[in-house]
Amino acid sequence: MEARAYLKYARIAPRKVQIVLDMIRNKPVNIAAAILKHTPKAACEPLEKLLKSAVANAENNHNMDKNNLYVAECFVCPGPIMKRIRPRAKGSAYHVLKRTSHVTLVLKEKE
């Protein structure tokens, strides 16, 4: 039995999210929440919200015990890239790629 939660079109680059996901993988939910709360990374705030959502899914939809949950899988895939232009000297343009992320978080119960 597993509970999943998805975060789609997050306006943060996938490589920044991946750093934080590596820290919480295979950790119990309460420790993962503490790591996300006290880590000064931009990705922590949306991931903390995603973790709470996954815990709520586990409790309400699958009748799982909150104290036995751990982060079984977590991964990020790149979403669509928004292309923007910043003006530069002599009428030229500088292309800015605003990357987005799709994050998946899977919780399982310890046996």
PDB file of N, CA and C in Angstrom:
ATOM      1  N   MET A   1       0.848  -1.188   0.000  1.00  0.00           N
ATOM      2  CA  MET A   1       0.000   0.000   0.000  1.00  0.00           C
ATOM      3  C   MET A   1       0.886   1.242   0.000  1.00  0.00           C
ATOM      4  N   GLU A   2       0.523   2.191  -0.831  1.00  0.00           N
ATOM      5  CA  GLU A   2       1.312   3.421  -0.919  1.00  0.00           C
ATOM      6  C   GLU A   2       0.394   4.610  -1.143  1.00  0.00           C
ATOM      7  N   ALA A   3       0.859   5.768  -0.702  1.00  0.00           N
ATOM      8  CA  ALA A   3       0.124   7.018  -0.904  1.00  0.00           C
ATOM      9  C   ALA A   3       1.009   7.940  -1.735  1.00  0.00           C
ATOM     10  N   ARG A   4       0.402   8.570  -2.737  1.00  0.00           N
ATOM     11  CA  ARG A   4       1.155   9.439  -3.640  1.00  0.00           C
ATOM     12  C   ARG A   4       0.635  10.859  -3.576  1.00  0.00           C
ATOM     13  N   ALA A   5       1.523  11.794  -3.868  1.00  0.00           N
ATOM     14  CA  ALA A   5       1.136  13.200  -4.033  1.00  0.00           C
ATOM     15  C   ALA A   5       2.009  13.779  -5.144  1.00  0.00           C
ATOM     16  N   TYR A   6       1.406  14.661  -5.935  1.00  0.00           N
ATOM     17  CA  TYR A   6       2.104  15.256  -7.074  1.00  0.00           C
ATOM     18  C   TYR A   6       2.118  16.773  -6.944  1.00  0.00           C
ATOM     19  N   LEU A   7       3.214  17.359  -7.380  1.00  0.00           N
ATOM     20  CA  LEU A   7       3.317  18.813  -7.492  1.00  0.00           C
ATOM     21  C   LEU A   7       3.710  19.094  -8.936  1.00  0.00           C
ATOM     22  N   LYS A   8       2.807  19.717  -9.672  1.00  0.00           N
ATOM     23  CA  LYS A   8       3.055  19.955 -11.095  1.00  0.00           C
ATOM     24  C   LYS A   8       3.294  21.438 -11.360  1.00  0.00           C
ATOM     25  N   TYR A   9       4.097  21.708 -12.344  1.00  0.00           N
ATOM     26  CA  TYR A   9       4.391  23.066 -12.819  1.00  0.00           C
ATOM     27  C   TYR A   9       4.944  23.969 -11.718  1.00  0.00           C
ATOM     28  N   ALA A  10       5.754  23.421 -10.821  1.00  0.00           N
ATOM     29  CA  ALA A  10       6.387  24.232  -9.776  1.00  0.00           C
ATOM     30  C   ALA A  10       7.426  25.133 -10.448  1.00  0.00           C
ATOM     31  N   ARG A  11       7.415  26.437 -10.123  1.00  0.00           N
ATOM     32  CA  ARG A  11       8.308  27.387 -10.788  1.00  0.00           C
ATOM     33  C   ARG A  11       9.679  27.408 -10.116  1.00  0.00           C
ATOM     34  N   ILE A  12      10.339  26.246 -10.126  1.00  0.00           N
ATOM     35  CA  ILE A  12      11.697  26.145  -9.597  1.00  0.00           C
ATOM     36  C   ILE A  12      12.418  25.091 -10.437  1.00  0.00           C
ATOM     37  N   ALA A  13      13.687  25.290 -10.670  1.00  0.00           N
ATOM     38  CA  ALA A  13      14.447  24.398 -11.552  1.00  0.00           C
ATOM     39  C   ALA A  13      14.553  22.998 -10.937  1.00  0.00           C
ATOM     40  N   PRO A  14      14.467  21.947 -11.766  1.00  0.00           N
ATOM     41  CA  PRO A  14      14.524  20.578 -11.257  1.00  0.00           C
ATOM     42  C   PRO A  14      15.808  20.247 -10.497  1.00  0.00           C
ATOM     43  N   ARG A  15      16.940  20.809 -10.905  1.00  0.00           N
ATOM     44  CA  ARG A  15      18.181  20.461 -10.212  1.00  0.00           C
ATOM     45  C   ARG A  15      18.229  21.035  -8.809  1.00  0.00           C
ATOM     46  N   LYS A  16      17.502  22.147  -8.561  1.00  0.00           N
ATOM     47  CA  LYS A  16      17.419  22.698  -7.211  1.00  0.00           C
ATOM     48  C   LYS A  16      16.520  21.841  -6.325  1.00  0.00           C
ATOM     49  N   VAL A  17      15.456  21.290  -6.917  1.00  0.00           N
ATOM     50  CA  VAL A  17      14.542  20.428  -6.176  1.00  0.00           C
ATOM     51  C   VAL A  17      15.229  19.098  -5.847  1.00  0.00           C
ATOM     52  N   GLN A  18      16.024  18.590  -6.780  1.00  0.00           N
ATOM     53  CA  GLN A  18      16.676  17.290  -6.616  1.00  0.00           C
ATOM     54  C   GLN A  18      17.589  17.265  -5.397  1.00  0.00           C
ATOM     55  N   ILE A  19      18.264  18.358  -5.108  1.00  0.00           N
ATOM     56  CA  ILE A  19      19.169  18.444  -3.953  1.00  0.00           C
ATOM     57  C   ILE A  19      18.401  18.189  -2.668  1.00  0.00           C
ATOM     58  N   VAL A  20      17.207  18.781  -2.551  1.00  0.00           N
ATOM     59  CA  VAL A  20      16.404  18.634  -1.338  1.00  0.00           C
ATOM     60  C   VAL A  20      15.784  17.241  -1.266  1.00  0.00           C
ATOM     61  N   LEU A  21      15.338  16.706  -2.410  1.00  0.00           N
ATOM     62  CA  LEU A  21      14.723  15.374  -2.420  1.00  0.00           C
ATOM     63  C   LEU A  21      15.721  14.299  -1.990  1.00  0.00           C
ATOM     64  N   ASP A  22      16.994  14.471  -2.348  1.00  0.00           N
ATOM     65  CA  ASP A  22      18.013  13.502  -1.940  1.00  0.00           C
ATOM     66  C   ASP A  22      18.171  13.465  -0.426  1.00  0.00           C
ATOM     67  N   MET A  23      17.869  14.582   0.247  1.00  0.00           N
ATOM     68  CA  MET A  23      18.010  14.642   1.705  1.00  0.00           C
ATOM     69  C   MET A  23      16.887  13.899   2.434  1.00  0.00           C
ATOM     70  N   ILE A  24      15.681  13.853   1.826  1.00  0.00           N
ATOM     71  CA  ILE A  24      14.547  13.253   2.545  1.00  0.00           C
ATOM     72  C   ILE A  24      14.208  11.841   2.091  1.00  0.00           C
ATOM     73  N   ARG A  25      14.851  11.343   1.055  1.00  0.00           N
ATOM     74  CA  ARG A  25      14.546   9.997   0.556  1.00  0.00           C
ATOM     75  C   ARG A  25      14.844   8.931   1.614  1.00  0.00           C
ATOM     76  N   ASN A  26      13.923   7.975   1.775  1.00  0.00           N
ATOM     77  CA  ASN A  26      14.010   6.841   2.725  1.00  0.00           C
ATOM     78  C   ASN A  26      14.020   7.274   4.188  1.00  0.00           C
ATOM     79  N   LYS A  27      13.529   8.466   4.499  1.00  0.00           N
ATOM     80  CA  LYS A  27      13.464   8.929   5.886  1.00  0.00           C
ATOM     81  C   LYS A  27      12.022   8.810   6.387  1.00  0.00           C
ATOM     82  N   PRO A  28      11.837   8.618   7.704  1.00  0.00           N
ATOM     83  CA  PRO A  28      10.481   8.671   8.264  1.00  0.00           C
ATOM     84  C   PRO A  28       9.875  10.054   8.039  1.00  0.00           C
ATOM     85  N   VAL A  29       8.546  10.105   8.022  1.00  0.00           N
ATOM     86  CA  VAL A  29       7.844  11.337   7.669  1.00  0.00           C
ATOM     87  C   VAL A  29       8.166  12.479   8.633  1.00  0.00           C
ATOM     88  N   ASN A  30       8.222  12.180   9.948  1.00  0.00           N
ATOM     89  CA  ASN A  30       8.466  13.270  10.910  1.00  0.00           C
ATOM     90  C   ASN A  30       9.882  13.835  10.767  1.00  0.00           C
ATOM     91  N   ILE A  31      10.860  12.998  10.467  1.00  0.00           N
ATOM     92  CA  ILE A  31      12.234  13.473  10.251  1.00  0.00           C
ATOM     93  C   ILE A  31      12.322  14.251   8.935  1.00  0.00           C
ATOM     94  N   ALA A  32      11.643  13.758   7.891  1.00  0.00           N
ATOM     95  CA  ALA A  32      11.634  14.458   6.597  1.00  0.00           C
ATOM     96  C   ALA A  32      11.005  15.840   6.739  1.00  0.00           C
ATOM     97  N   ALA A  33       9.935  15.942   7.529  1.00  0.00           N
ATOM     98  CA  ALA A  33       9.284  17.243   7.744  1.00  0.00           C
ATOM     99  C   ALA A  33      10.222  18.197   8.477  1.00  0.00           C
ATOM    100  N   ALA A  34      10.976  17.668   9.460  1.00  0.00           N
ATOM    101  CA  ALA A  34      11.918  18.508  10.202  1.00  0.00           C
ATOM    102  C   ALA A  34      13.051  18.984   9.303  1.00  0.00           C
ATOM    103  N   ILE A  35      13.539  18.111   8.414  1.00  0.00           N
ATOM    104  CA  ILE A  35      14.604  18.485   7.476  1.00  0.00           C
ATOM    105  C   ILE A  35      14.108  19.609   6.556  1.00  0.00           C
ATOM    106  N   LEU A  36      12.887  19.459   6.039  1.00  0.00           N
ATOM    107  CA  LEU A  36      12.343  20.470   5.128  1.00  0.00           C
ATOM    108  C   LEU A  36      12.115  21.800   5.838  1.00  0.00           C
ATOM    109  N   LYS A  37      11.734  21.734   7.118  1.00  0.00           N
ATOM    110  CA  LYS A  37      11.449  22.964   7.863  1.00  0.00           C
ATOM    111  C   LYS A  37      12.715  23.766   8.155  1.00  0.00           C
ATOM    112  N   HIS A  38      13.844  23.073   8.382  1.00  0.00           N
ATOM    113  CA  HIS A  38      15.061  23.748   8.832  1.00  0.00           C
ATOM    114  C   HIS A  38      16.157  23.835   7.777  1.00  0.00           C
ATOM    115  N   THR A  39      15.845  23.531   6.520  1.00  0.00           N
ATOM    116  CA  THR A  39      16.829  23.647   5.452  1.00  0.00           C
ATOM    117  C   THR A  39      16.578  24.943   4.681  1.00  0.00           C
ATOM    118  N   PRO A  40      17.598  25.795   4.538  1.00  0.00           N
ATOM    119  CA  PRO A  40      17.391  27.084   3.859  1.00  0.00           C
ATOM    120  C   PRO A  40      17.502  26.983   2.334  1.00  0.00           C
ATOM    121  N   LYS A  41      16.602  26.234   1.713  1.00  0.00           N
ATOM    122  CA  LYS A  41      16.580  26.097   0.258  1.00  0.00           C
ATOM    123  C   LYS A  41      15.218  26.552  -0.254  1.00  0.00           C
ATOM    124  N   ALA A  42      15.202  27.082  -1.464  1.00  0.00           N
ATOM    125  CA  ALA A  42      13.953  27.593  -2.038  1.00  0.00           C
ATOM    126  C   ALA A  42      12.929  26.489  -2.261  1.00  0.00           C
ATOM    127  N   ALA A  43      13.395  25.259  -2.509  1.00  0.00           N
ATOM    128  CA  ALA A  43      12.481  24.157  -2.818  1.00  0.00           C
ATOM    129  C   ALA A  43      11.786  23.600  -1.582  1.00  0.00           C
ATOM    130  N   CYS A  44      12.252  23.948  -0.391  1.00  0.00           N
ATOM    131  CA  CYS A  44      11.721  23.334   0.829  1.00  0.00           C
ATOM    132  C   CYS A  44      10.266  23.695   1.100  1.00  0.00           C
ATOM    133  N   GLU A  45       9.893  24.930   0.817  1.00  0.00           N
ATOM    134  CA  GLU A  45       8.531  25.365   1.130  1.00  0.00           C
ATOM    135  C   GLU A  45       7.471  24.588   0.334  1.00  0.00           C
ATOM    136  N   PRO A  46       7.575  24.504  -1.008  1.00  0.00           N
ATOM    137  CA  PRO A  46       6.577  23.694  -1.726  1.00  0.00           C
ATOM    138  C   PRO A  46       6.674  22.200  -1.414  1.00  0.00           C
ATOM    139  N   LEU A  47       7.876  21.685  -1.126  1.00  0.00           N
ATOM    140  CA  LEU A  47       8.022  20.265  -0.809  1.00  0.00           C
ATOM    141  C   LEU A  47       7.420  19.929   0.551  1.00  0.00           C
ATOM    142  N   GLU A  48       7.496  20.868   1.493  1.00  0.00           N
ATOM    143  CA  GLU A  48       6.881  20.662   2.801  1.00  0.00           C
ATOM    144  C   GLU A  48       5.361  20.543   2.654  1.00  0.00           C
ATOM    145  N   LYS A  49       4.796  21.391   1.818  1.00  0.00           N
ATOM    146  CA  LYS A  49       3.366  21.354   1.542  1.00  0.00           C
ATOM    147  C   LYS A  49       2.983  20.040   0.852  1.00  0.00           C
ATOM    148  N   LEU A  50       3.835  19.584  -0.066  1.00  0.00           N
ATOM    149  CA  LEU A  50       3.598  18.330  -0.781  1.00  0.00           C
ATOM    150  C   LEU A  50       3.645  17.142   0.175  1.00  0.00           C
ATOM    151  N   LEU A  51       4.582  17.157   1.113  1.00  0.00           N
ATOM    152  CA  LEU A  51       4.697  16.075   2.104  1.00  0.00           C
ATOM    153  C   LEU A  51       3.448  16.007   2.981  1.00  0.00           C
ATOM    154  N   LYS A  52       2.955  17.171   3.412  1.00  0.00           N
ATOM    155  CA  LYS A  52       1.721  17.204   4.212  1.00  0.00           C
ATOM    156  C   LYS A  52       0.543  16.648   3.421  1.00  0.00           C
ATOM    157  N   SER A  53       0.499  16.952   2.140  1.00  0.00           N
ATOM    158  CA  SER A  53      -0.561  16.445   1.282  1.00  0.00           C
ATOM    159  C   SER A  53      -0.497  14.925   1.150  1.00  0.00           C
ATOM    160  N   ALA A  54       0.721  14.398   0.992  1.00  0.00           N
ATOM    161  CA  ALA A  54       0.898  12.943   0.877  1.00  0.00           C
ATOM    162  C   ALA A  54       0.503  12.233   2.170  1.00  0.00           C
ATOM    163  N   VAL A  55       0.835  12.841   3.319  1.00  0.00           N
ATOM    164  CA  VAL A  55       0.457  12.262   4.614  1.00  0.00           C
ATOM    165  C   VAL A  55      -1.066  12.251   4.759  1.00  0.00           C
ATOM    166  N   ALA A  56      -1.701  13.348   4.354  1.00  0.00           N
ATOM    167  CA  ALA A  56      -3.159  13.420   4.417  1.00  0.00           C
ATOM    168  C   ALA A  56      -3.800  12.379   3.498  1.00  0.00           C
ATOM    169  N   ASN A  57      -3.229  12.188   2.309  1.00  0.00           N
ATOM    170  CA  ASN A  57      -3.729  11.151   1.391  1.00  0.00           C
ATOM    171  C   ASN A  57      -3.610   9.774   2.022  1.00  0.00           C
ATOM    172  N   ALA A  58      -2.480   9.514   2.680  1.00  0.00           N
ATOM    173  CA  ALA A  58      -2.255   8.209   3.302  1.00  0.00           C
ATOM    174  C   ALA A  58      -3.273   7.949   4.413  1.00  0.00           C
ATOM    175  N   GLU A  59      -3.504   8.965   5.246  1.00  0.00           N
ATOM    176  CA  GLU A  59      -4.429   8.794   6.380  1.00  0.00           C
ATOM    177  C   GLU A  59      -5.877   8.677   5.915  1.00  0.00           C
ATOM    178  N   ASN A  60      -6.305   9.571   5.028  1.00  0.00           N
ATOM    179  CA  ASN A  60      -7.722   9.639   4.668  1.00  0.00           C
ATOM    180  C   ASN A  60      -8.131   8.640   3.590  1.00  0.00           C
ATOM    181  N   ASN A  61      -7.277   8.405   2.608  1.00  0.00           N
ATOM    182  CA  ASN A  61      -7.661   7.555   1.478  1.00  0.00           C
ATOM    183  C   ASN A  61      -7.265   6.092   1.665  1.00  0.00           C
ATOM    184  N   HIS A  62      -6.184   5.830   2.417  1.00  0.00           N
ATOM    185  CA  HIS A  62      -5.670   4.468   2.519  1.00  0.00           C
ATOM    186  C   HIS A  62      -5.653   3.935   3.951  1.00  0.00           C
ATOM    187  N   ASN A  63      -6.153   4.714   4.914  1.00  0.00           N
ATOM    188  CA  ASN A  63      -6.204   4.307   6.338  1.00  0.00           C
ATOM    189  C   ASN A  63      -4.848   3.834   6.855  1.00  0.00           C
ATOM    190  N   MET A  64      -3.792   4.534   6.513  1.00  0.00           N
ATOM    191  CA  MET A  64      -2.447   4.195   6.971  1.00  0.00           C
ATOM    192  C   MET A  64      -2.149   4.971   8.253  1.00  0.00           C
ATOM    193  N   ASP A  65      -1.258   4.394   9.083  1.00  0.00           N
ATOM    194  CA  ASP A  65      -0.881   5.043  10.335  1.00  0.00           C
ATOM    195  C   ASP A  65       0.220   6.063  10.071  1.00  0.00           C
ATOM    196  N   LYS A  66       0.004   7.300  10.528  1.00  0.00           N
ATOM    197  CA  LYS A  66       0.943   8.394  10.267  1.00  0.00           C
ATOM    198  C   LYS A  66       2.322   8.120  10.873  1.00  0.00           C
ATOM    199  N   ASN A  67       2.373   7.421  12.003  1.00  0.00           N
ATOM    200  CA  ASN A  67       3.644   7.188  12.706  1.00  0.00           C
ATOM    201  C   ASN A  67       4.528   6.154  12.020  1.00  0.00           C
ATOM    202  N   ASN A  68       3.953   5.331  11.139  1.00  0.00           N
ATOM    203  CA  ASN A  68       4.731   4.279  10.467  1.00  0.00           C
ATOM    204  C   ASN A  68       5.107   4.635   9.033  1.00  0.00           C
ATOM    205  N   LEU A  69       4.813   5.863   8.594  1.00  0.00           N
ATOM    206  CA  LEU A  69       5.071   6.239   7.203  1.00  0.00           C
ATOM    207  C   LEU A  69       6.517   6.673   6.997  1.00  0.00           C
ATOM    208  N   TYR A  70       7.021   6.377   5.804  1.00  0.00           N
ATOM    209  CA  TYR A  70       8.337   6.887   5.403  1.00  0.00           C
ATOM    210  C   TYR A  70       8.303   7.248   3.923  1.00  0.00           C
ATOM    211  N   VAL A  71       9.256   8.079   3.501  1.00  0.00           N
ATOM    212  CA  VAL A  71       9.327   8.526   2.105  1.00  0.00           C
ATOM    213  C   VAL A  71       9.988   7.420   1.290  1.00  0.00           C
ATOM    214  N   ALA A  72       9.172   6.650   0.580  1.00  0.00           N
ATOM    215  CA  ALA A  72       9.677   5.503  -0.170  1.00  0.00           C
ATOM    216  C   ALA A  72      10.336   5.949  -1.480  1.00  0.00           C
ATOM    217  N   GLU A  73       9.655   6.817  -2.205  1.00  0.00           N
ATOM    218  CA  GLU A  73      10.173   7.320  -3.478  1.00  0.00           C
ATOM    219  C   GLU A  73       9.934   8.817  -3.539  1.00  0.00           C
ATOM    220  N   CYS A  74      10.862   9.527  -4.140  1.00  0.00           N
ATOM    221  CA  CYS A  74      10.628  10.936  -4.454  1.00  0.00           C
ATOM    222  C   CYS A  74      11.534  11.280  -5.628  1.00  0.00           C
ATOM    223  N   PHE A  75      10.919  11.851  -6.642  1.00  0.00           N
ATOM    224  CA  PHE A  75      11.705  12.211  -7.820  1.00  0.00           C
ATOM    225  C   PHE A  75      11.107  13.435  -8.485  1.00  0.00           C
ATOM    226  N   VAL A  76      11.927  14.074  -9.302  1.00  0.00           N
ATOM    227  CA  VAL A  76      11.504  15.286 -10.005  1.00  0.00           C
ATOM    228  C   VAL A  76      11.760  15.105 -11.496  1.00  0.00           C
ATOM    229  N   CYS A  77      10.797  15.560 -12.298  1.00  0.00           N
ATOM    230  CA  CYS A  77      10.938  15.548 -13.752  1.00  0.00           C
ATOM    231  C   CYS A  77      10.820  16.987 -14.244  1.00  0.00           C
ATOM    232  N   PRO A  78      11.540  17.334 -15.283  1.00  0.00           N
ATOM    233  CA  PRO A  78      11.414  18.704 -15.792  1.00  0.00           C
ATOM    234  C   PRO A  78      10.059  18.929 -16.446  1.00  0.00           C
ATOM    235  N   GLY A  79       9.493  20.092 -16.183  1.00  0.00           N
ATOM    236  CA  GLY A  79       8.239  20.487 -16.808  1.00  0.00           C
ATOM    237  C   GLY A  79       8.536  21.366 -18.015  1.00  0.00           C
ATOM    238  N   PRO A  80       7.533  22.062 -18.518  1.00  0.00           N
ATOM    239  CA  PRO A  80       7.772  22.953 -19.658  1.00  0.00           C
ATOM    240  C   PRO A  80       8.666  24.125 -19.268  1.00  0.00           C
ATOM    241  N   ILE A  81       9.437  24.606 -20.231  1.00  0.00           N
ATOM    242  CA  ILE A  81      10.357  25.712 -19.979  1.00  0.00           C
ATOM    243  C   ILE A  81       9.755  26.986 -20.576  1.00  0.00           C
ATOM    244  N   MET A  82       9.633  28.019 -19.736  1.00  0.00           N
ATOM    245  CA  MET A  82       9.140  29.307 -20.224  1.00  0.00           C
ATOM    246  C   MET A  82      10.340  30.099 -20.748  1.00  0.00           C
ATOM    247  N   LYS A  83      10.235  30.554 -21.976  1.00  0.00           N
ATOM    248  CA  LYS A  83      11.352  31.288 -22.582  1.00  0.00           C
ATOM    249  C   LYS A  83      11.054  32.779 -22.524  1.00  0.00           C
ATOM    250  N   ARG A  84      11.984  33.522 -21.934  1.00  0.00           N
ATOM    251  CA  ARG A  84      11.835  34.969 -21.799  1.00  0.00           C
ATOM    252  C   ARG A  84      13.055  35.654 -22.398  1.00  0.00           C
ATOM    253  N   ILE A  85      12.921  36.940 -22.686  1.00  0.00           N
ATOM    254  CA  ILE A  85      14.024  37.699 -23.284  1.00  0.00           C
ATOM    255  C   ILE A  85      14.328  38.908 -22.409  1.00  0.00           C
ATOM    256  N   ARG A  86      15.609  39.116 -22.125  1.00  0.00           N
ATOM    257  CA  ARG A  86      16.073  40.294 -21.390  1.00  0.00           C
ATOM    258  C   ARG A  86      16.881  41.151 -22.362  1.00  0.00           C
ATOM    259  N   PRO A  87      16.566  42.429 -22.449  1.00  0.00           N
ATOM    260  CA  PRO A  87      17.320  43.304 -23.369  1.00  0.00           C
ATOM    261  C   PRO A  87      18.774  43.461 -22.931  1.00  0.00           C
ATOM    262  N   ARG A  88      19.668  43.523 -23.913  1.00  0.00           N
ATOM    263  CA  ARG A  88      21.098  43.702 -23.638  1.00  0.00           C
ATOM    264  C   ARG A  88      21.633  44.862 -24.482  1.00  0.00           C
ATOM    265  N   ALA A  89      22.919  45.049 -24.396  1.00  0.00           N
ATOM    266  CA  ALA A  89      23.549  46.193 -25.067  1.00  0.00           C
ATOM    267  C   ALA A  89      23.429  46.104 -26.589  1.00  0.00           C
ATOM    268  N   LYS A  90      23.411  47.264 -27.248  1.00  0.00           N
ATOM    269  CA  LYS A  90      23.403  47.395 -28.706  1.00  0.00           C
ATOM    270  C   LYS A  90      22.202  46.691 -29.350  1.00  0.00           C
ATOM    271  N   GLY A  91      21.076  46.676 -28.679  1.00  0.00           N
ATOM    272  CA  GLY A  91      19.854  46.120 -29.261  1.00  0.00           C
ATOM    273  C   GLY A  91      19.791  44.610 -29.309  1.00  0.00           C
ATOM    274  N   SER A  92      20.754  43.937 -28.671  1.00  0.00           N
ATOM    275  CA  SER A  92      20.712  42.469 -28.688  1.00  0.00           C
ATOM    276  C   SER A  92      19.811  41.970 -27.553  1.00  0.00           C
ATOM    277  N   ALA A  93      19.601  40.670 -27.520  1.00  0.00           N
ATOM    278  CA  ALA A  93      18.704  40.087 -26.518  1.00  0.00           C
ATOM    279  C   ALA A  93      19.408  38.924 -25.828  1.00  0.00           C
ATOM    280  N   TYR A  94      19.066  38.725 -24.581  1.00  0.00           N
ATOM    281  CA  TYR A  94      19.629  37.639 -23.779  1.00  0.00           C
ATOM    282  C   TYR A  94      18.469  36.713 -23.424  1.00  0.00           C
ATOM    283  N   HIS A  95      18.563  35.455 -23.785  1.00  0.00           N
ATOM    284  CA  HIS A  95      17.484  34.503 -23.542  1.00  0.00           C
ATOM    285  C   HIS A  95      17.547  33.975 -22.118  1.00  0.00           C
ATOM    286  N   VAL A  96      16.417  34.029 -21.427  1.00  0.00           N
ATOM    287  CA  VAL A  96      16.311  33.522 -20.058  1.00  0.00           C
ATOM    288  C   VAL A  96      15.365  32.333 -20.093  1.00  0.00           C
ATOM    289  N   LEU A  97      15.809  31.182 -19.587  1.00  0.00           N
ATOM    290  CA  LEU A  97      14.986  29.983 -19.530  1.00  0.00           C
ATOM    291  C   LEU A  97      14.459  29.818 -18.113  1.00  0.00           C
ATOM    292  N   LYS A  98      13.158  29.957 -17.940  1.00  0.00           N
ATOM    293  CA  LYS A  98      12.536  29.789 -16.630  1.00  0.00           C
ATOM    294  C   LYS A  98      12.003  28.364 -16.563  1.00  0.00           C
ATOM    295  N   ARG A  99      12.714  27.520 -15.807  1.00  0.00           N
ATOM    296  CA  ARG A  99      12.402  26.098 -15.778  1.00  0.00           C
ATOM    297  C   ARG A  99      11.321  25.778 -14.751  1.00  0.00           C
ATOM    298  N   THR A 100      10.538  24.722 -15.041  1.00  0.00           N
ATOM    299  CA  THR A 100       9.514  24.260 -14.108  1.00  0.00           C
ATOM    300  C   THR A 100       9.760  22.794 -13.786  1.00  0.00           C
ATOM    301  N   SER A 101       9.106  22.312 -12.719  1.00  0.00           N
ATOM    302  CA  SER A 101       9.326  20.958 -12.227  1.00  0.00           C
ATOM    303  C   SER A 101       8.010  20.251 -11.973  1.00  0.00           C
ATOM    304  N   HIS A 102       8.014  18.936 -12.172  1.00  0.00           N
ATOM    305  CA  HIS A 102       6.932  18.058 -11.733  1.00  0.00           C
ATOM    306  C   HIS A 102       7.536  17.135 -10.678  1.00  0.00           C
ATOM    307  N   VAL A 103       7.033  17.200  -9.437  1.00  0.00           N
ATOM    308  CA  VAL A 103       7.580  16.414  -8.337  1.00  0.00           C
ATOM    309  C   VAL A 103       6.581  15.336  -7.941  1.00  0.00           C
ATOM    310  N   THR A 104       7.073  14.127  -7.699  1.00  0.00           N
ATOM    311  CA  THR A 104       6.241  13.016  -7.228  1.00  0.00           C
ATOM    312  C   THR A 104       6.811  12.525  -5.907  1.00  0.00           C
ATOM    313  N   LEU A 105       5.919  12.339  -4.910  1.00  0.00           N
ATOM    314  CA  LEU A 105       6.316  11.888  -3.581  1.00  0.00           C
ATOM    315  C   LEU A 105       5.470  10.659  -3.238  1.00  0.00           C
ATOM    316  N   VAL A 106       6.113   9.544  -2.870  1.00  0.00           N
ATOM    317  CA  VAL A 106       5.416   8.301  -2.545  1.00  0.00           C
ATOM    318  C   VAL A 106       5.749   7.927  -1.096  1.00  0.00           C
ATOM    319  N   LEU A 107       4.707   7.718  -0.299  1.00  0.00           N
ATOM    320  CA  LEU A 107       4.870   7.277   1.083  1.00  0.00           C
ATOM    321  C   LEU A 107       4.417   5.838   1.217  1.00  0.00           C
ATOM    322  N   LYS A 108       5.155   5.060   2.010  1.00  0.00           N
ATOM    323  CA  LYS A 108       4.774   3.674   2.317  1.00  0.00           C
ATOM    324  C   LYS A 108       4.834   3.472   3.826  1.00  0.00           C
ATOM    325  N   GLU A 109       4.172   2.404   4.273  1.00  0.00           N
ATOM    326  CA  GLU A 109       4.177   2.068   5.692  1.00  0.00           C
ATOM    327  C   GLU A 109       5.280   1.068   5.979  1.00  0.00           C
ATOM    328  N   LYS A 110       5.943   1.254   7.132  1.00  0.00           N
ATOM    329  CA  LYS A 110       6.958   0.282   7.555  1.00  0.00           C
ATOM    330  C   LYS A 110       6.270  -1.013   7.939  1.00  0.00           C
ATOM    331  N   GLU A 111       6.928  -2.118   7.641  1.00  0.00           N
ATOM    332  CA  GLU A 111       6.339  -3.426   7.972  1.00  0.00           C
ATOM    333  C   GLU A 111       6.491  -3.736   9.452  1.00  0.00           C
TER     334      GLU A 111
END
